Amino acid sequence: MAKLHQGADNKTILPVSRGKVEEKIRITQKVAAMLTGHGKTRAYLHRFKIRENAQCVCQQGDQTIDRLLYDCNLLEAQRGILRKT
C-alpha cells in the first residue's frame, strides 16, 4: 500500500472505484487535518517547537501520519480491525 505524503495520494485510503465514491465518508476536522498533513502528531508538533522530540511512542521512529497508519507496532491490532472492515 502506498504511503501518504503530506496530503498527497489520499485516494490510497479512500474507497474510490473508477472515480465514484462507493461509501459516504464523514470528513471531520481531525480527518481533514490528517489527510492534509496537519494532524497533531508528535512530528508535526516538534516541527513547531511545541514538543521536544518527534519520537513515536513505539520508539521506532518519528510519529508521523504514515507511521501511525502503516508502521507503528502498537497499532497493529487496530490496523487489523480496519482491514477486516
C-alpha atoms as a PDB file:
ATOM      1  CA  MET A   1       0.000   0.000   0.000  1.00  0.00           C
ATOM      2  CA  ALA A   2       1.341   3.447  -0.882  1.00  0.00           C
ATOM      3  CA  LYS A   3       2.105   5.781   1.974  1.00  0.00           C
ATOM      4  CA  LEU A   4       0.714   9.291   2.400  1.00  0.00           C
ATOM      5  CA  HIS A   5       2.991  12.256   1.947  1.00  0.00           C
ATOM      6  CA  GLN A   6       1.667  15.495   3.439  1.00  0.00           C
ATOM      7  CA  GLY A   7      -1.785  15.141   1.928  1.00  0.00           C
ATOM      8  CA  ALA A   8      -0.729  13.650  -1.412  1.00  0.00           C
ATOM      9  CA  ASP A   9      -2.086  10.297  -2.553  1.00  0.00           C
ATOM     10  CA  ASN A  10      -5.125  10.492  -0.265  1.00  0.00           C
ATOM     11  CA  LYS A  11      -7.013   8.253  -2.650  1.00  0.00           C
ATOM     12  CA  THR A  12      -4.905   5.329  -1.394  1.00  0.00           C
ATOM     13  CA  ILE A  13      -7.000   5.283   1.787  1.00  0.00           C
ATOM     14  CA  LEU A  14     -10.365   6.476   0.450  1.00  0.00           C
ATOM     15  CA  PRO A  15     -12.782   3.939  -1.088  1.00  0.00           C
ATOM     16  CA  VAL A  16     -12.874   5.024  -4.737  1.00  0.00           C
ATOM     17  CA  SER A  17     -13.844   2.894  -7.696  1.00  0.00           C
ATOM     18  CA  ARG A  18     -13.488   4.275 -11.226  1.00  0.00           C
ATOM     19  CA  GLY A  19     -13.784   7.808  -9.890  1.00  0.00           C
ATOM     20  CA  LYS A  20     -17.017   7.212  -7.962  1.00  0.00           C
ATOM     21  CA  VAL A  21     -17.083   7.137  -4.174  1.00  0.00           C
ATOM     22  CA  GLU A  22     -18.817   3.929  -3.088  1.00  0.00           C
ATOM     23  CA  GLU A  23     -19.354   4.943   0.525  1.00  0.00           C
ATOM     24  CA  LYS A  24     -20.075   8.251   2.164  1.00  0.00           C
ATOM     25  CA  ILE A  25     -17.221   9.236   4.450  1.00  0.00           C
ATOM     26  CA  ARG A  26     -17.783  11.800   7.149  1.00  0.00           C
ATOM     27  CA  ILE A  27     -14.820  14.132   6.921  1.00  0.00           C
ATOM     28  CA  THR A  28     -14.279  15.641  10.349  1.00  0.00           C
ATOM     29  CA  GLN A  29     -11.767  18.353  11.191  1.00  0.00           C
ATOM     30  CA  LYS A  30      -9.397  15.715  12.568  1.00  0.00           C
ATOM     31  CA  VAL A  31      -9.654  13.552   9.433  1.00  0.00           C
ATOM     32  CA  ALA A  32      -9.123  16.595   7.202  1.00  0.00           C
ATOM     33  CA  ALA A  33      -6.078  17.601   9.260  1.00  0.00           C
ATOM     34  CA  MET A  34      -4.638  14.097   8.944  1.00  0.00           C
ATOM     35  CA  LEU A  35      -5.232  13.928   5.187  1.00  0.00           C
ATOM     36  CA  THR A  36      -3.557  17.293   4.630  1.00  0.00           C
ATOM     37  CA  GLY A  37      -0.539  16.519   6.812  1.00  0.00           C
ATOM     38  CA  HIS A  38      -1.617  18.827   9.629  1.00  0.00           C
ATOM     39  CA  GLY A  39      -2.626  16.177  12.158  1.00  0.00           C
ATOM     40  CA  LYS A  40      -1.282  16.821  15.637  1.00  0.00           C
ATOM     41  CA  THR A  41       1.314  14.074  15.616  1.00  0.00           C
ATOM     42  CA  ARG A  42       4.497  14.375  17.642  1.00  0.00           C
ATOM     43  CA  ALA A  43       6.458  15.068  14.445  1.00  0.00           C
ATOM     44  CA  TYR A  44       4.091  17.901  13.490  1.00  0.00           C
ATOM     45  CA  LEU A  45       4.218  19.439  16.970  1.00  0.00           C
ATOM     46  CA  HIS A  46       8.019  19.074  17.108  1.00  0.00           C
ATOM     47  CA  ARG A  47       8.294  20.960  13.823  1.00  0.00           C
ATOM     48  CA  PHE A  48       6.737  23.988  15.564  1.00  0.00           C
ATOM     49  CA  LYS A  49       8.847  23.548  18.735  1.00  0.00           C
ATOM     50  CA  ILE A  50       5.778  22.535  20.772  1.00  0.00           C
ATOM     51  CA  ARG A  51       7.304  19.126  21.640  1.00  0.00           C
ATOM     52  CA  GLU A  52      10.918  18.441  22.499  1.00  0.00           C
ATOM     53  CA  ASN A  53      11.137  15.464  20.145  1.00  0.00           C
ATOM     54  CA  ALA A  54       9.163  13.754  17.397  1.00  0.00           C
ATOM     55  CA  GLN A  55       9.721  10.182  18.628  1.00  0.00           C
ATOM     56  CA  CYS A  56       6.707   7.867  18.355  1.00  0.00           C
ATOM     57  CA  VAL A  57       5.579   6.060  21.500  1.00  0.00           C
ATOM     58  CA  CYS A  58       6.733   2.793  19.891  1.00  0.00           C
ATOM     59  CA  GLN A  59      10.306   4.178  19.850  1.00  0.00           C
ATOM     60  CA  GLN A  60      10.829   3.044  16.227  1.00  0.00           C
ATOM     61  CA  GLY A  61      10.968   6.473  14.576  1.00  0.00           C
ATOM     62  CA  ASP A  62       9.201   9.803  14.345  1.00  0.00           C
ATOM     63  CA  GLN A  63       5.461   9.825  14.985  1.00  0.00           C
ATOM     64  CA  THR A  64       4.078  10.787  11.588  1.00  0.00           C
ATOM     65  CA  ILE A  65       0.734  10.052   9.953  1.00  0.00           C
ATOM     66  CA  ASP A  66       2.473   7.372   7.849  1.00  0.00           C
ATOM     67  CA  ARG A  67       3.948   5.693  10.935  1.00  0.00           C
ATOM     68  CA  LEU A  68       0.583   5.660  12.704  1.00  0.00           C
ATOM     69  CA  LEU A  69      -1.289   4.333   9.668  1.00  0.00           C
ATOM     70  CA  TYR A  70       1.230   1.778   8.415  1.00  0.00           C
ATOM     71  CA  ASP A  71       4.146   1.052  10.748  1.00  0.00           C
ATOM     72  CA  CYS A  72       3.622   1.646  14.479  1.00  0.00           C
ATOM     73  CA  ASN A  73       3.636  -1.799  16.074  1.00  0.00           C
ATOM     74  CA  LEU A  74       1.469  -0.527  18.946  1.00  0.00           C
ATOM     75  CA  LEU A  75      -1.406  -0.014  16.486  1.00  0.00           C
ATOM     76  CA  GLU A  76      -1.166  -3.355  14.671  1.00  0.00           C
ATOM     77  CA  ALA A  77      -4.376  -4.721  16.240  1.00  0.00           C
ATOM     78  CA  GLN A  78      -6.342  -1.621  15.197  1.00  0.00           C
ATOM     79  CA  ARG A  79      -4.947  -1.885  11.634  1.00  0.00           C
ATOM     80  CA  GLY A  80      -6.149  -5.492  11.518  1.00  0.00           C
ATOM     81  CA  ILE A  81      -9.658  -4.437  12.536  1.00  0.00           C
ATOM     82  CA  LEU A  82      -9.691  -1.724   9.854  1.00  0.00           C
ATOM     83  CA  ARG A  83      -8.532  -4.160   7.175  1.00  0.00           C
ATOM     84  CA  LYS A  84     -11.392  -6.536   8.031  1.00  0.00           C
ATOM     85  CA  THR A  85     -13.990  -3.785   7.731  1.00  0.00           C
END
